[in-house]
């Protein structure tokens, strides 16, 4: 089994994003889900607050689905209780991620994108300047349809993210 097939098999076994057509595979509306990077903290756009995204890589596009809005909670918690208050507030905000994923289950990807203005979808040819940065290459920087986006990748999913980016986005520096 090649690396991409292993990634697809892993995504099939763990994904909360299921097709609505009754097929047990990874096909949604004719798109194949190649892999999902769960719980990537990130911002899209210059004036955006921190959010937690699930990054869904299909054969056609990258879909970012917000599962937790941690930015405002962090600011409020930080102002009330300093760094510890901010960390507690982020933790509580992230606790709702599984509920949001459950709400997304069974929805077509276009409906997921439309369900929150912070969600995004971009064909791979509209994603530019992709670079992995930071110690251990834990951050991925990119321009998504003209907007700057930065995501902090969970440690256990960095290799999968690099593999998905390298296989789909031309010119990415992995």
Protein backbone atom coordinates (compact mmCIF):
# COMPACT_ATOMS: atom_id res chain seq x y z
CA UNK A 1 0.00 0.00 0.00
CA UNK A 2 1.54 3.34 -1.01
CA UNK A 3 1.70 6.38 1.32
CA UNK A 4 -1.32 8.16 -0.22
CA UNK A 5 -3.45 5.01 0.08
CA UNK A 6 -2.42 4.70 3.73
CA UNK A 7 -3.42 8.32 4.31
CA UNK A 8 -6.81 7.69 2.67
CA UNK A 9 -7.32 4.55 4.75
CA UNK A 10 -6.47 6.50 7.90
CA UNK A 11 -8.89 9.27 6.93
CA UNK A 12 -11.63 6.72 6.20
CA UNK A 13 -11.21 5.13 9.61
CA UNK A 14 -11.21 8.38 11.60
CA UNK A 15 -13.18 10.95 9.64
CA UNK A 16 -16.30 12.51 11.10
CA UNK A 17 -17.11 13.92 7.66
CA UNK A 18 -19.23 11.30 5.97
CA UNK A 19 -20.72 11.24 2.48
CA UNK A 20 -24.45 11.81 2.26
CA UNK A 21 -24.93 9.41 -0.65
CA UNK A 22 -24.85 6.32 1.56
CA UNK A 23 -21.52 5.07 0.21
CA UNK A 24 -19.12 4.07 2.96
CA UNK A 25 -16.09 5.41 1.07
CA UNK A 26 -14.57 8.86 1.07
CA UNK A 27 -16.53 10.24 -1.86
CA UNK A 28 -18.65 13.34 -1.25
CA UNK A 29 -20.45 14.89 -4.21
CA UNK A 30 -17.95 13.21 -6.53
CA UNK A 31 -14.98 14.50 -4.51
CA UNK A 32 -12.57 12.15 -2.82
CA UNK A 33 -11.43 13.09 0.68
CA UNK A 34 -7.71 12.34 0.70
CA UNK A 35 -7.05 13.18 4.33
CA UNK A 36 -8.01 15.41 7.22
CA UNK A 37 -5.77 17.33 9.59
CA UNK A 38 -7.80 17.71 12.77
CA UNK A 39 -7.58 20.62 15.24
CA UNK A 40 -5.13 22.94 13.48
CA UNK A 41 -5.14 26.30 15.28
CA UNK A 42 -5.06 29.11 12.75
CA UNK A 43 -6.05 32.46 11.37
CA UNK A 44 -7.23 33.32 7.87
CA UNK A 45 -7.06 37.00 6.98
CA UNK A 46 -5.27 39.85 8.67
CA UNK A 47 -7.88 40.86 11.26
CA UNK A 48 -8.99 37.40 12.26
CA UNK A 49 -8.98 35.90 15.75
CA UNK A 50 -7.56 32.44 16.44
CA UNK A 51 -9.82 29.54 15.51
CA UNK A 52 -9.42 25.77 15.45
CA UNK A 53 -9.88 24.29 11.98
CA UNK A 54 -10.17 20.82 10.55
CA UNK A 55 -8.33 20.99 7.21
CA UNK A 56 -10.00 18.66 4.72
CA UNK A 57 -7.91 17.77 1.68
CA UNK A 58 -9.94 16.50 -1.27
CA UNK A 59 -8.84 15.63 -4.78
CA UNK A 60 -10.05 19.09 -5.91
CA UNK A 61 -9.62 21.58 -3.07
CA UNK A 62 -8.72 22.40 0.52
CA UNK A 63 -11.65 22.98 2.86
CA UNK A 64 -11.17 24.63 6.25
CA UNK A 65 -13.97 23.86 8.70
CA UNK A 66 -14.01 25.83 11.97
CA UNK A 67 -14.59 23.50 14.90
CA UNK A 68 -13.82 25.94 17.75
CA UNK A 69 -13.49 29.71 18.03
CA UNK A 70 -10.76 30.09 20.61
CA UNK A 71 -9.57 33.65 19.92
CA UNK A 72 -12.24 35.67 21.73
CA UNK A 73 -12.28 33.27 24.66
CA UNK A 74 -8.51 33.59 24.96
CA UNK A 75 -8.64 37.39 24.93
CA UNK A 76 -11.42 37.55 27.54
CA UNK A 77 -9.87 34.85 29.73
CA UNK A 78 -6.46 36.50 29.44
CA UNK A 79 -7.82 39.88 30.50
CA UNK A 80 -9.54 38.34 33.51
CA UNK A 81 -6.92 35.84 34.59
CA UNK A 82 -3.67 36.49 32.72
CA UNK A 83 -1.94 33.69 30.83
CA UNK A 84 -3.54 30.98 32.96
CA UNK A 85 -7.03 32.40 32.43
CA UNK A 86 -6.43 32.57 28.69
CA UNK A 87 -5.25 28.95 28.59
CA UNK A 88 -8.29 27.78 30.55
CA UNK A 89 -10.64 29.73 28.28
CA UNK A 90 -8.99 28.24 25.14
CA UNK A 91 -9.35 24.77 26.62
CA UNK A 92 -13.04 25.27 27.34
CA UNK A 93 -13.64 26.69 23.84
CA UNK A 94 -11.90 23.69 22.26
CA UNK A 95 -14.16 21.35 24.23
CA UNK A 96 -16.98 22.14 21.78
CA UNK A 97 -15.00 20.92 18.77
CA UNK A 98 -16.50 17.42 18.79
CA UNK A 99 -20.01 18.89 18.96
CA UNK A 100 -19.29 21.06 15.90
CA UNK A 101 -17.84 18.04 14.06
CA UNK A 102 -21.00 16.09 14.88
CA UNK A 103 -23.07 18.93 13.38
CA UNK A 104 -20.95 18.72 10.20
CA UNK A 105 -21.34 14.94 9.91
CA UNK A 106 -23.22 13.96 6.79
CA UNK A 107 -23.29 17.48 5.34
CA UNK A 108 -21.95 18.03 1.83
CA UNK A 109 -18.69 20.00 1.86
CA UNK A 110 -20.34 23.02 0.22
CA UNK A 111 -22.87 23.15 3.07
CA UNK A 112 -20.06 22.93 5.63
CA UNK A 113 -18.31 25.88 3.96
CA UNK A 114 -21.55 27.90 3.93
CA UNK A 115 -22.40 27.14 7.57
CA UNK A 116 -19.85 29.58 9.03
CA UNK A 117 -18.34 32.70 7.47
CA UNK A 118 -14.91 31.67 8.82
CA UNK A 119 -15.01 28.37 6.91
CA UNK A 120 -13.24 28.39 3.57
CA UNK A 121 -12.79 26.40 0.41
CA UNK A 122 -10.09 26.94 -2.19
CA UNK A 123 -9.05 24.95 -5.25
CA UNK A 124 -5.38 24.02 -5.02
CA UNK A 125 -4.40 26.33 -7.88
CA UNK A 126 -5.67 29.31 -5.78
CA UNK A 127 -3.35 28.49 -2.87
CA UNK A 128 0.05 30.16 -3.09
CA UNK A 129 3.33 30.60 -1.19
CA UNK A 130 2.95 27.49 0.97
CA UNK A 131 5.80 27.15 3.48
CA UNK A 132 6.32 25.07 6.58
CA UNK A 133 8.09 27.08 9.29
CA UNK A 134 9.10 26.95 12.91
CA UNK A 135 11.03 24.48 14.99
CA UNK A 136 9.89 21.04 13.85
CA UNK A 137 8.03 22.65 10.95
CA UNK A 138 4.95 23.06 13.12
CA UNK A 139 3.45 26.04 11.27
CA UNK A 140 2.18 26.13 7.70
CA UNK A 141 1.94 29.57 6.08
CA UNK A 142 0.02 30.10 2.85
CA UNK A 143 -2.05 32.54 0.84
CA UNK A 144 -5.58 31.23 0.31
CA UNK A 145 -7.35 33.12 -2.48
CA UNK A 146 -5.41 36.27 -1.60
CA UNK A 147 -5.79 36.01 2.19
CA UNK A 148 -2.85 35.20 4.43
CA UNK A 149 -3.40 32.02 6.45
CA UNK A 150 -1.25 30.49 9.18
CA UNK A 151 -2.00 27.17 10.90
CA UNK A 152 -0.24 25.48 13.81
CA UNK A 153 -0.29 21.77 13.08
CA UNK A 154 -0.81 19.18 15.82
CA UNK A 155 2.47 17.33 16.40
CA UNK A 156 1.06 13.90 15.58
CA UNK A 157 -0.34 15.09 12.23
CA UNK A 158 2.58 17.11 10.81
CA UNK A 159 3.92 14.34 8.58
CA UNK A 160 0.45 13.65 7.17
CA UNK A 161 -0.09 17.37 6.52
CA UNK A 162 3.27 17.67 4.74
CA UNK A 163 2.48 14.64 2.59
CA UNK A 164 -0.96 15.97 1.63
CA UNK A 165 0.38 19.45 0.84
CA UNK A 166 3.29 18.09 -1.21
CA UNK A 167 1.02 15.82 -3.24
CA UNK A 168 -1.61 18.47 -4.03
CA UNK A 169 -0.19 21.99 -3.99
CA UNK A 170 2.36 22.74 -6.71
CA UNK A 171 5.40 24.73 -5.58
CA UNK A 172 4.83 24.11 -1.86
CA UNK A 173 8.00 24.22 0.23
CA UNK A 174 7.71 21.29 2.59
